[in-house]
Amino acid sequence: AIITRGGSTNYADFVKGRFTISRDNAKNSVYLQMNS
């Protein structure tokens, strides 16, 4: 998965609906929530 500075996201087909990418620009951090 990728996420732009503005928050737009793209996911590989094999994780769509299961994983969520997010970021916190103030912390220079990115996260990946992986479910199922």
PDB file of all heavy atoms in Angstrom:
ATOM      1  N   ALA A   1       0.838  -1.195   0.000  1.00  0.00           N
ATOM      2  CA  ALA A   1       0.000   0.000   0.000  1.00  0.00           C
ATOM      3  C   ALA A   1       0.872   1.244   0.000  1.00  0.00           C
ATOM      4  O   ALA A   1       1.992   1.226   0.514  1.00  0.00           O
ATOM      5  CB  ALA A   1      -0.927   0.026   1.218  1.00  0.00           C
ATOM      6  N   ILE A   2       0.365   2.321  -0.585  1.00  0.00           N
ATOM      7  CA  ILE A   2       1.047   3.605  -0.556  1.00  0.00           C
ATOM      8  C   ILE A   2       0.053   4.694  -0.175  1.00  0.00           C
ATOM      9  O   ILE A   2      -1.155   4.545  -0.367  1.00  0.00           O
ATOM     10  CB  ILE A   2       1.713   3.964  -1.906  1.00  0.00           C
ATOM     11  CG1 ILE A   2       0.687   3.949  -3.042  1.00  0.00           C
ATOM     12  CG2 ILE A   2       2.869   3.019  -2.204  1.00  0.00           C
ATOM     13  CD1 ILE A   2       1.227   4.473  -4.355  1.00  0.00           C
ATOM     14  N   ILE A   3       0.581   5.781   0.358  1.00  0.00           N
ATOM     15  CA  ILE A   3      -0.249   6.915   0.734  1.00  0.00           C
ATOM     16  C   ILE A   3       0.514   8.202   0.451  1.00  0.00           C
ATOM     17  O   ILE A   3       1.695   8.325   0.779  1.00  0.00           O
ATOM     18  CB  ILE A   3      -0.681   6.821   2.216  1.00  0.00           C
ATOM     19  CG1 ILE A   3      -1.628   7.964   2.588  1.00  0.00           C
ATOM     20  CG2 ILE A   3       0.530   6.761   3.143  1.00  0.00           C
ATOM     21  CD1 ILE A   3      -2.318   7.759   3.934  1.00  0.00           C
ATOM     22  N   THR A   4      -0.147   9.153  -0.181  1.00  0.00           N
ATOM     23  CA  THR A   4       0.474  10.437  -0.481  1.00  0.00           C
ATOM     24  C   THR A   4       0.446  11.335   0.742  1.00  0.00           C
ATOM     25  O   THR A   4      -0.221  11.049   1.740  1.00  0.00           O
ATOM     26  CB  THR A   4      -0.239  11.146  -1.639  1.00  0.00           C
ATOM     27  OG1 THR A   4      -1.546  11.552  -1.210  1.00  0.00           O
ATOM     28  CG2 THR A   4      -0.351  10.239  -2.855  1.00  0.00           C
ATOM     29  N   ARG A   5       1.161  12.448   0.659  1.00  0.00           N
ATOM     30  CA  ARG A   5       1.173  13.384   1.759  1.00  0.00           C
ATOM     31  C   ARG A   5      -0.235  13.920   2.037  1.00  0.00           C
ATOM     32  O   ARG A   5      -0.579  14.199   3.190  1.00  0.00           O
ATOM     33  CB  ARG A   5       2.123  14.547   1.465  1.00  0.00           C
ATOM     34  CG  ARG A   5       2.261  15.520   2.620  1.00  0.00           C
ATOM     35  CD  ARG A   5       3.356  16.543   2.377  1.00  0.00           C
ATOM     36  NE  ARG A   5       3.484  17.452   3.506  1.00  0.00           N
ATOM     37  CZ  ARG A   5       4.161  17.175   4.613  1.00  0.00           C
ATOM     38  NH1 ARG A   5       4.797  16.012   4.739  1.00  0.00           N
ATOM     39  NH2 ARG A   5       4.223  18.065   5.601  1.00  0.00           N
ATOM     40  N   GLY A   6      -1.037  14.034   0.993  1.00  0.00           N
ATOM     41  CA  GLY A   6      -2.398  14.516   1.142  1.00  0.00           C
ATOM     42  C   GLY A   6      -3.393  13.468   1.576  1.00  0.00           C
ATOM     43  O   GLY A   6      -4.555  13.792   1.826  1.00  0.00           O
ATOM     44  N   GLY A   7      -2.971  12.206   1.650  1.00  0.00           N
ATOM     45  CA  GLY A   7      -3.834  11.159   2.157  1.00  0.00           C
ATOM     46  C   GLY A   7      -4.468  10.246   1.127  1.00  0.00           C
ATOM     47  O   GLY A   7      -5.252   9.365   1.499  1.00  0.00           O
ATOM     48  N   SER A   8      -4.160  10.417  -0.149  1.00  0.00           N
ATOM     49  CA  SER A   8      -4.673   9.502  -1.160  1.00  0.00           C
ATOM     50  C   SER A   8      -3.974   8.157  -1.038  1.00  0.00           C
ATOM     51  O   SER A   8      -2.767   8.100  -0.813  1.00  0.00           O
ATOM     52  CB  SER A   8      -4.461  10.063  -2.561  1.00  0.00           C
ATOM     53  OG  SER A   8      -5.189  11.266  -2.734  1.00  0.00           O
ATOM     54  N   THR A   9      -4.722   7.081  -1.211  1.00  0.00           N
ATOM     55  CA  THR A   9      -4.172   5.745  -0.996  1.00  0.00           C
ATOM     56  C   THR A   9      -4.344   4.846  -2.203  1.00  0.00           C
ATOM     57  O   THR A   9      -5.245   5.024  -3.015  1.00  0.00           O
ATOM     58  CB  THR A   9      -4.834   5.065   0.209  1.00  0.00           C
ATOM     59  OG1 THR A   9      -6.250   4.960  -0.017  1.00  0.00           O
ATOM     60  CG2 THR A   9      -4.594   5.868   1.482  1.00  0.00           C
ATOM     61  N   ASN A  10      -3.468   3.876  -2.304  1.00  0.00           N
ATOM     62  CA  ASN A  10      -3.563   2.802  -3.282  1.00  0.00           C
ATOM     63  C   ASN A  10      -3.149   1.507  -2.612  1.00  0.00           C
ATOM     64  O   ASN A  10      -2.205   1.487  -1.831  1.00  0.00           O
ATOM     65  CB  ASN A  10      -2.669   3.070  -4.492  1.00  0.00           C
ATOM     66  CG  ASN A  10      -3.229   4.127  -5.413  1.00  0.00           C
ATOM     67  OD1 ASN A  10      -4.217   3.901  -6.091  1.00  0.00           O
ATOM     68  ND2 ASN A  10      -2.600   5.292  -5.432  1.00  0.00           N
ATOM     69  N   TYR A  11      -3.857   0.430  -2.942  1.00  0.00           N
ATOM     70  CA  TYR A  11      -3.611  -0.860  -2.332  1.00  0.00           C
ATOM     71  C   TYR A  11      -3.408  -1.934  -3.381  1.00  0.00           C
ATOM     72  O   TYR A  11      -4.018  -1.906  -4.446  1.00  0.00           O
ATOM     73  CB  TYR A  11      -4.781  -1.284  -1.458  1.00  0.00           C
ATOM     74  CG  TYR A  11      -5.048  -0.400  -0.270  1.00  0.00           C
ATOM     75  CD1 TYR A  11      -5.919   0.670  -0.362  1.00  0.00           C
ATOM     76  CD2 TYR A  11      -4.430  -0.653   0.954  1.00  0.00           C
ATOM     77  CE1 TYR A  11      -6.173   1.483   0.736  1.00  0.00           C
ATOM     78  CE2 TYR A  11      -4.678   0.150   2.054  1.00  0.00           C
ATOM     79  CZ  TYR A  11      -5.545   1.215   1.942  1.00  0.00           C
ATOM     80  OH  TYR A  11      -5.794   2.014   3.036  1.00  0.00           O
ATOM     81  N   ALA A  12      -2.571  -2.893  -3.053  1.00  0.00           N
ATOM     82  CA  ALA A  12      -2.487  -4.093  -3.863  1.00  0.00           C
ATOM     83  C   ALA A  12      -3.805  -4.848  -3.750  1.00  0.00           C
ATOM     84  O   ALA A  12      -4.462  -4.824  -2.703  1.00  0.00           O
ATOM     85  CB  ALA A  12      -1.340  -4.977  -3.391  1.00  0.00           C
ATOM     86  N   ASP A  13      -4.196  -5.525  -4.823  1.00  0.00           N
ATOM     87  CA  ASP A  13      -5.476  -6.225  -4.829  1.00  0.00           C
ATOM     88  C   ASP A  13      -5.588  -7.256  -3.712  1.00  0.00           C
ATOM     89  O   ASP A  13      -6.676  -7.471  -3.162  1.00  0.00           O
ATOM     90  CB  ASP A  13      -5.699  -6.902  -6.182  1.00  0.00           C
ATOM     91  CG  ASP A  13      -6.029  -5.916  -7.285  1.00  0.00           C
ATOM     92  OD1 ASP A  13      -6.415  -4.773  -6.977  1.00  0.00           O
ATOM     93  OD2 ASP A  13      -5.905  -6.294  -8.464  1.00  0.00           O
ATOM     94  N   PHE A  14      -4.493  -7.881  -3.365  1.00  0.00           N
ATOM     95  CA  PHE A  14      -4.554  -8.964  -2.389  1.00  0.00           C
ATOM     96  C   PHE A  14      -4.761  -8.501  -0.957  1.00  0.00           C
ATOM     97  O   PHE A  14      -4.946  -9.331  -0.064  1.00  0.00           O
ATOM     98  CB  PHE A  14      -3.299  -9.858  -2.491  1.00  0.00           C
ATOM     99  CG  PHE A  14      -1.990  -9.135  -2.367  1.00  0.00           C
ATOM    100  CD1 PHE A  14      -1.483  -8.788  -1.131  1.00  0.00           C
ATOM    101  CD2 PHE A  14      -1.256  -8.826  -3.503  1.00  0.00           C
ATOM    102  CE1 PHE A  14      -0.267  -8.132  -1.013  1.00  0.00           C
ATOM    103  CE2 PHE A  14      -0.031  -8.163  -3.396  1.00  0.00           C
ATOM    104  CZ  PHE A  14       0.452  -7.819  -2.150  1.00  0.00           C
ATOM    105  N   VAL A  15      -4.755  -7.179  -0.713  1.00  0.00           N
ATOM    106  CA  VAL A  15      -5.005  -6.675   0.638  1.00  0.00           C
ATOM    107  C   VAL A  15      -6.219  -5.765   0.728  1.00  0.00           C
ATOM    108  O   VAL A  15      -6.592  -5.358   1.837  1.00  0.00           O
ATOM    109  CB  VAL A  15      -3.780  -5.951   1.227  1.00  0.00           C
ATOM    110  CG1 VAL A  15      -2.570  -6.875   1.250  1.00  0.00           C
ATOM    111  CG2 VAL A  15      -3.484  -4.667   0.459  1.00  0.00           C
ATOM    112  N   LYS A  16      -6.841  -5.460  -0.389  1.00  0.00           N
ATOM    113  CA  LYS A  16      -7.997  -4.573  -0.382  1.00  0.00           C
ATOM    114  C   LYS A  16      -9.112  -5.134   0.497  1.00  0.00           C
ATOM    115  O   LYS A  16      -9.462  -6.300   0.409  1.00  0.00           O
ATOM    116  CB  LYS A  16      -8.526  -4.353  -1.801  1.00  0.00           C
ATOM    117  CG  LYS A  16      -7.666  -3.422  -2.628  1.00  0.00           C
ATOM    118  CD  LYS A  16      -8.277  -3.176  -3.998  1.00  0.00           C
ATOM    119  CE  LYS A  16      -7.454  -2.188  -4.799  1.00  0.00           C
ATOM    120  NZ  LYS A  16      -8.023  -1.953  -6.144  1.00  0.00           N
ATOM    121  N   GLY A  17      -9.646  -4.281   1.351  1.00  0.00           N
ATOM    122  CA  GLY A  17     -10.695  -4.687   2.258  1.00  0.00           C
ATOM    123  C   GLY A  17     -10.195  -5.283   3.551  1.00  0.00           C
ATOM    124  O   GLY A  17     -10.985  -5.514   4.475  1.00  0.00           O
ATOM    125  N   ARG A  18      -8.893  -5.533   3.640  1.00  0.00           N
ATOM    126  CA  ARG A  18      -8.314  -6.120   4.848  1.00  0.00           C
ATOM    127  C   ARG A  18      -7.307  -5.199   5.528  1.00  0.00           C
ATOM    128  O   ARG A  18      -7.239  -5.153   6.755  1.00  0.00           O
ATOM    129  CB  ARG A  18      -7.624  -7.449   4.524  1.00  0.00           C
ATOM    130  CG  ARG A  18      -8.555  -8.511   3.955  1.00  0.00           C
ATOM    131  CD  ARG A  18      -7.866  -9.871   3.887  1.00  0.00           C
ATOM    132  NE  ARG A  18      -6.702  -9.849   3.010  1.00  0.00           N
ATOM    133  CZ  ARG A  18      -5.477 -10.232   3.381  1.00  0.00           C
ATOM    134  NH1 ARG A  18      -5.259 -10.665   4.613  1.00  0.00           N
ATOM    135  NH2 ARG A  18      -4.481 -10.202   2.505  1.00  0.00           N
ATOM    136  N   PHE A  19      -6.517  -4.484   4.729  1.00  0.00           N
ATOM    137  CA  PHE A  19      -5.474  -3.614   5.272  1.00  0.00           C
ATOM    138  C   PHE A  19      -5.850  -2.154   5.072  1.00  0.00           C
ATOM    139  O   PHE A  19      -6.513  -1.787   4.097  1.00  0.00           O
ATOM    140  CB  PHE A  19      -4.135  -3.851   4.560  1.00  0.00           C
ATOM    141  CG  PHE A  19      -3.511  -5.199   4.804  1.00  0.00           C
ATOM    142  CD1 PHE A  19      -4.166  -6.203   5.496  1.00  0.00           C
ATOM    143  CD2 PHE A  19      -2.232  -5.455   4.324  1.00  0.00           C
ATOM    144  CE1 PHE A  19      -3.576  -7.443   5.712  1.00  0.00           C
ATOM    145  CE2 PHE A  19      -1.629  -6.687   4.531  1.00  0.00           C
ATOM    146  CZ  PHE A  19      -2.303  -7.680   5.224  1.00  0.00           C
ATOM    147  N   THR A  20      -5.389  -1.307   5.982  1.00  0.00           N
ATOM    148  CA  THR A  20      -5.594   0.128   5.875  1.00  0.00           C
ATOM    149  C   THR A  20      -4.297   0.858   6.174  1.00  0.00           C
ATOM    150  O   THR A  20      -3.687   0.644   7.219  1.00  0.00           O
ATOM    151  CB  THR A  20      -6.680   0.620   6.849  1.00  0.00           C
ATOM    152  OG1 THR A  20      -7.912  -0.069   6.602  1.00  0.00           O
ATOM    153  CG2 THR A  20      -6.915   2.117   6.668  1.00  0.00           C
ATOM    154  N   ILE A  21      -3.884   1.715   5.246  1.00  0.00           N
ATOM    155  CA  ILE A  21      -2.687   2.520   5.448  1.00  0.00           C
ATOM    156  C   ILE A  21      -3.107   3.921   5.886  1.00  0.00           C
ATOM    157  O   ILE A  21      -4.116   4.451   5.419  1.00  0.00           O
ATOM    158  CB  ILE A  21      -1.817   2.568   4.176  1.00  0.00           C
ATOM    159  CG1 ILE A  21      -0.474   3.243   4.465  1.00  0.00           C
ATOM    160  CG2 ILE A  21      -2.535   3.256   3.027  1.00  0.00           C
ATOM    161  CD1 ILE A  21       0.534   3.125   3.319  1.00  0.00           C
ATOM    162  N   SER A  22      -2.342   4.510   6.785  1.00  0.00           N
ATOM    163  CA  SER A  22      -2.609   5.859   7.249  1.00  0.00           C
ATOM    164  C   SER A  22      -1.283   6.526   7.602  1.00  0.00           C
ATOM    165  O   SER A  22      -0.250   5.871   7.676  1.00  0.00           O
ATOM    166  CB  SER A  22      -3.557   5.857   8.457  1.00  0.00           C
ATOM    167  OG  SER A  22      -2.999   5.140   9.543  1.00  0.00           O
ATOM    168  N   ARG A  23      -1.325   7.835   7.819  1.00  0.00           N
ATOM    169  CA  ARG A  23      -0.097   8.542   8.170  1.00  0.00           C
ATOM    170  C   ARG A  23      -0.395   9.719   9.079  1.00  0.00           C
ATOM    171  O   ARG A  23      -1.512  10.226   9.134  1.00  0.00           O
ATOM    172  CB  ARG A  23       0.644   9.011   6.913  1.00  0.00           C
ATOM    173  CG  ARG A  23      -0.068  10.080   6.099  1.00  0.00           C
ATOM    174  CD  ARG A  23       0.625  10.301   4.755  1.00  0.00           C
ATOM    175  NE  ARG A  23       1.919  10.960   4.901  1.00  0.00           N
ATOM    176  CZ  ARG A  23       2.810  11.088   3.917  1.00  0.00           C
ATOM    177  NH1 ARG A  23       2.548  10.573   2.717  1.00  0.00           N
ATOM    178  NH2 ARG A  23       3.962  11.715   4.133  1.00  0.00           N
ATOM    179  N   ASP A  24       0.639  10.139   9.778  1.00  0.00           N
ATOM    180  CA  ASP A  24       0.583  11.306  10.639  1.00  0.00           C
ATOM    181  C   ASP A  24       1.765  12.177  10.243  1.00  0.00           C
ATOM    182  O   ASP A  24       2.906  11.902  10.628  1.00  0.00           O
ATOM    183  CB  ASP A  24       0.656  10.906  12.107  1.00  0.00           C
ATOM    184  CG  ASP A  24       0.481  12.080  13.048  1.00  0.00           C
ATOM    185  OD1 ASP A  24       0.715  13.231  12.642  1.00  0.00           O
ATOM    186  OD2 ASP A  24       0.101  11.852  14.217  1.00  0.00           O
ATOM    187  N   ASN A  25       1.506  13.201   9.455  1.00  0.00           N
ATOM    188  CA  ASN A  25       2.588  14.034   8.940  1.00  0.00           C
ATOM    189  C   ASN A  25       3.343  14.779  10.036  1.00  0.00           C
ATOM    190  O   ASN A  25       4.538  15.028   9.907  1.00  0.00           O
ATOM    191  CB  ASN A  25       2.041  15.031   7.916  1.00  0.00           C
ATOM    192  CG  ASN A  25       1.551  14.357   6.654  1.00  0.00           C
ATOM    193  OD1 ASN A  25       1.990  13.259   6.308  1.00  0.00           O
ATOM    194  ND2 ASN A  25       0.640  15.019   5.946  1.00  0.00           N
ATOM    195  N   ALA A  26       2.652  15.136  11.101  1.00  0.00           N
ATOM    196  CA  ALA A  26       3.296  15.832  12.207  1.00  0.00           C
ATOM    197  C   ALA A  26       4.333  14.957  12.894  1.00  0.00           C
ATOM    198  O   ALA A  26       5.301  15.461  13.461  1.00  0.00           O
ATOM    199  CB  ALA A  26       2.258  16.311  13.220  1.00  0.00           C
ATOM    200  N   LYS A  27       4.129  13.644  12.839  1.00  0.00           N
ATOM    201  CA  LYS A  27       5.051  12.697  13.463  1.00  0.00           C
ATOM    202  C   LYS A  27       5.973  12.022  12.458  1.00  0.00           C
ATOM    203  O   LYS A  27       6.781  11.177  12.843  1.00  0.00           O
ATOM    204  CB  LYS A  27       4.275  11.626  14.231  1.00  0.00           C
ATOM    205  CG  LYS A  27       3.463  12.153  15.396  1.00  0.00           C
ATOM    206  CD  LYS A  27       2.744  11.022  16.101  1.00  0.00           C
ATOM    207  CE  LYS A  27       1.953  11.528  17.290  1.00  0.00           C
ATOM    208  NZ  LYS A  27       1.235  10.434  17.978  1.00  0.00           N
ATOM    209  N   ASN A  28       5.848  12.371  11.184  1.00  0.00           N
ATOM    210  CA  ASN A  28       6.627  11.713  10.135  1.00  0.00           C
ATOM    211  C   ASN A  28       6.465  10.194  10.203  1.00  0.00           C
ATOM    212  O   ASN A  28       7.433   9.444  10.084  1.00  0.00           O
ATOM    213  CB  ASN A  28       8.106  12.081  10.234  1.00  0.00           C
ATOM    214  CG  ASN A  28       8.494  13.207   9.289  1.00  0.00           C
ATOM    215  OD1 ASN A  28       7.651  13.989   8.856  1.00  0.00           O
ATOM    216  ND2 ASN A  28       9.778  13.292   8.981  1.00  0.00           N
ATOM    217  N   SER A  29       5.228   9.756  10.395  1.00  0.00           N
ATOM    218  CA  SER A  29       4.963   8.338  10.597  1.00  0.00           C
ATOM    219  C   SER A  29       3.908   7.811   9.633  1.00  0.00           C
ATOM    220  O   SER A  29       3.038   8.545   9.174  1.00  0.00           O
ATOM    221  CB  SER A  29       4.503   8.076  12.027  1.00  0.00           C
ATOM    222  OG  SER A  29       5.514   8.415  12.958  1.00  0.00           O
ATOM    223  N   VAL A  30       4.005   6.520   9.358  1.00  0.00           N
ATOM    224  CA  VAL A  30       3.018   5.830   8.542  1.00  0.00           C
ATOM    225  C   VAL A  30       2.666   4.525   9.239  1.00  0.00           C
ATOM    226  O   VAL A  30       3.500   3.926   9.920  1.00  0.00           O
ATOM    227  CB  VAL A  30       3.542   5.591   7.104  1.00  0.00           C
ATOM    228  CG1 VAL A  30       4.760   4.670   7.114  1.00  0.00           C
ATOM    229  CG2 VAL A  30       2.443   5.038   6.214  1.00  0.00           C
ATOM    230  N   TYR A  31       1.415   4.086   9.057  1.00  0.00           N
ATOM    231  CA  TYR A  31       0.918   2.925   9.764  1.00  0.00           C
ATOM    232  C   TYR A  31       0.235   1.973   8.791  1.00  0.00           C
ATOM    233  O   TYR A  31      -0.243   2.372   7.735  1.00  0.00           O
ATOM    234  CB  TYR A  31      -0.084   3.333  10.846  1.00  0.00           C
ATOM    235  CG  TYR A  31       0.418   4.433  11.734  1.00  0.00           C
ATOM    236  CD1 TYR A  31       0.137   5.764  11.445  1.00  0.00           C
ATOM    237  CD2 TYR A  31       1.192   4.152  12.851  1.00  0.00           C
ATOM    238  CE1 TYR A  31       0.613   6.784  12.247  1.00  0.00           C
ATOM    239  CE2 TYR A  31       1.670   5.162  13.660  1.00  0.00           C
ATOM    240  CZ  TYR A  31       1.380   6.476  13.360  1.00  0.00           C
ATOM    241  OH  TYR A  31       1.853   7.484  14.163  1.00  0.00           O
ATOM    242  N   LEU A  32       0.181   0.715   9.168  1.00  0.00           N
ATOM    243  CA  LEU A  32      -0.539  -0.274   8.382  1.00  0.00           C
ATOM    244  C   LEU A  32      -1.337  -1.156   9.329  1.00  0.00           C
ATOM    245  O   LEU A  32      -0.756  -1.944  10.076  1.00  0.00           O
ATOM    246  CB  LEU A  32       0.416  -1.135   7.551  1.00  0.00           C
ATOM    247  CG  LEU A  32      -0.255  -2.121   6.594  1.00  0.00           C
ATOM    248  CD1 LEU A  32      -0.958  -1.372   5.459  1.00  0.00           C
ATOM    249  CD2 LEU A  32       0.773  -3.100   6.021  1.00  0.00           C
ATOM    250  N   GLN A  33      -2.649  -0.997   9.306  1.00  0.00           N
ATOM    251  CA  GLN A  33      -3.534  -1.853  10.079  1.00  0.00           C
ATOM    252  C   GLN A  33      -3.866  -3.068   9.236  1.00  0.00           C
ATOM    253  O   GLN A  33      -4.413  -2.939   8.143  1.00  0.00           O
ATOM    254  CB  GLN A  33      -4.817  -1.108  10.455  1.00  0.00           C
ATOM    255  CG  GLN A  33      -5.825  -1.946  11.226  1.00  0.00           C
ATOM    256  CD  GLN A  33      -5.330  -2.344  12.593  1.00  0.00           C
ATOM    257  OE1 GLN A  33      -4.797  -1.504  13.321  1.00  0.00           O
ATOM    258  NE2 GLN A  33      -5.486  -3.611  12.949  1.00  0.00           N
ATOM    259  N   MET A  34      -3.539  -4.243   9.730  1.00  0.00           N
ATOM    260  CA  MET A  34      -3.739  -5.482   9.000  1.00  0.00           C
ATOM    261  C   MET A  34      -4.759  -6.339   9.734  1.00  0.00           C
ATOM    262  O   MET A  34      -4.529  -6.753  10.867  1.00  0.00           O
ATOM    263  CB  MET A  34      -2.418  -6.241   8.842  1.00  0.00           C
ATOM    264  CG  MET A  34      -1.320  -5.428   8.174  1.00  0.00           C
ATOM    265  SD  MET A  34       0.174  -6.404   7.874  1.00  0.00           S
ATOM    266  CE  MET A  34       0.688  -6.712   9.576  1.00  0.00           C
ATOM    267  N   ASN A  35      -5.878  -6.593   9.080  1.00  0.00           N
ATOM    268  CA  ASN A  35      -6.937  -7.420   9.637  1.00  0.00           C
ATOM    269  C   ASN A  35      -7.133  -8.664   8.776  1.00  0.00           C
ATOM    270  O   ASN A  35      -6.707  -8.717   7.632  1.00  0.00           O
ATOM    271  CB  ASN A  35      -8.251  -6.639   9.718  1.00  0.00           C
ATOM    272  CG  ASN A  35      -8.167  -5.422  10.595  1.00  0.00           C
ATOM    273  OD1 ASN A  35      -7.499  -5.424  11.628  1.00  0.00           O
ATOM    274  ND2 ASN A  35      -8.870  -4.360  10.200  1.00  0.00           N
ATOM    275  N   SER A  36      -7.816  -9.640   9.336  1.00  0.00           N
ATOM    276  CA  SER A  36      -8.121 -10.883   8.618  1.00  0.00           C
ATOM    277  C   SER A  36      -6.876 -11.473   7.972  1.00  0.00           C
ATOM    278  O   SER A  36      -6.880 -11.857   6.801  1.00  0.00           O
ATOM    279  CB  SER A  36      -9.205 -10.632   7.565  1.00  0.00           C
ATOM    280  OG  SER A  36     -10.379 -10.122   8.147  1.00  0.00           O
TER     281      SER A  36
END
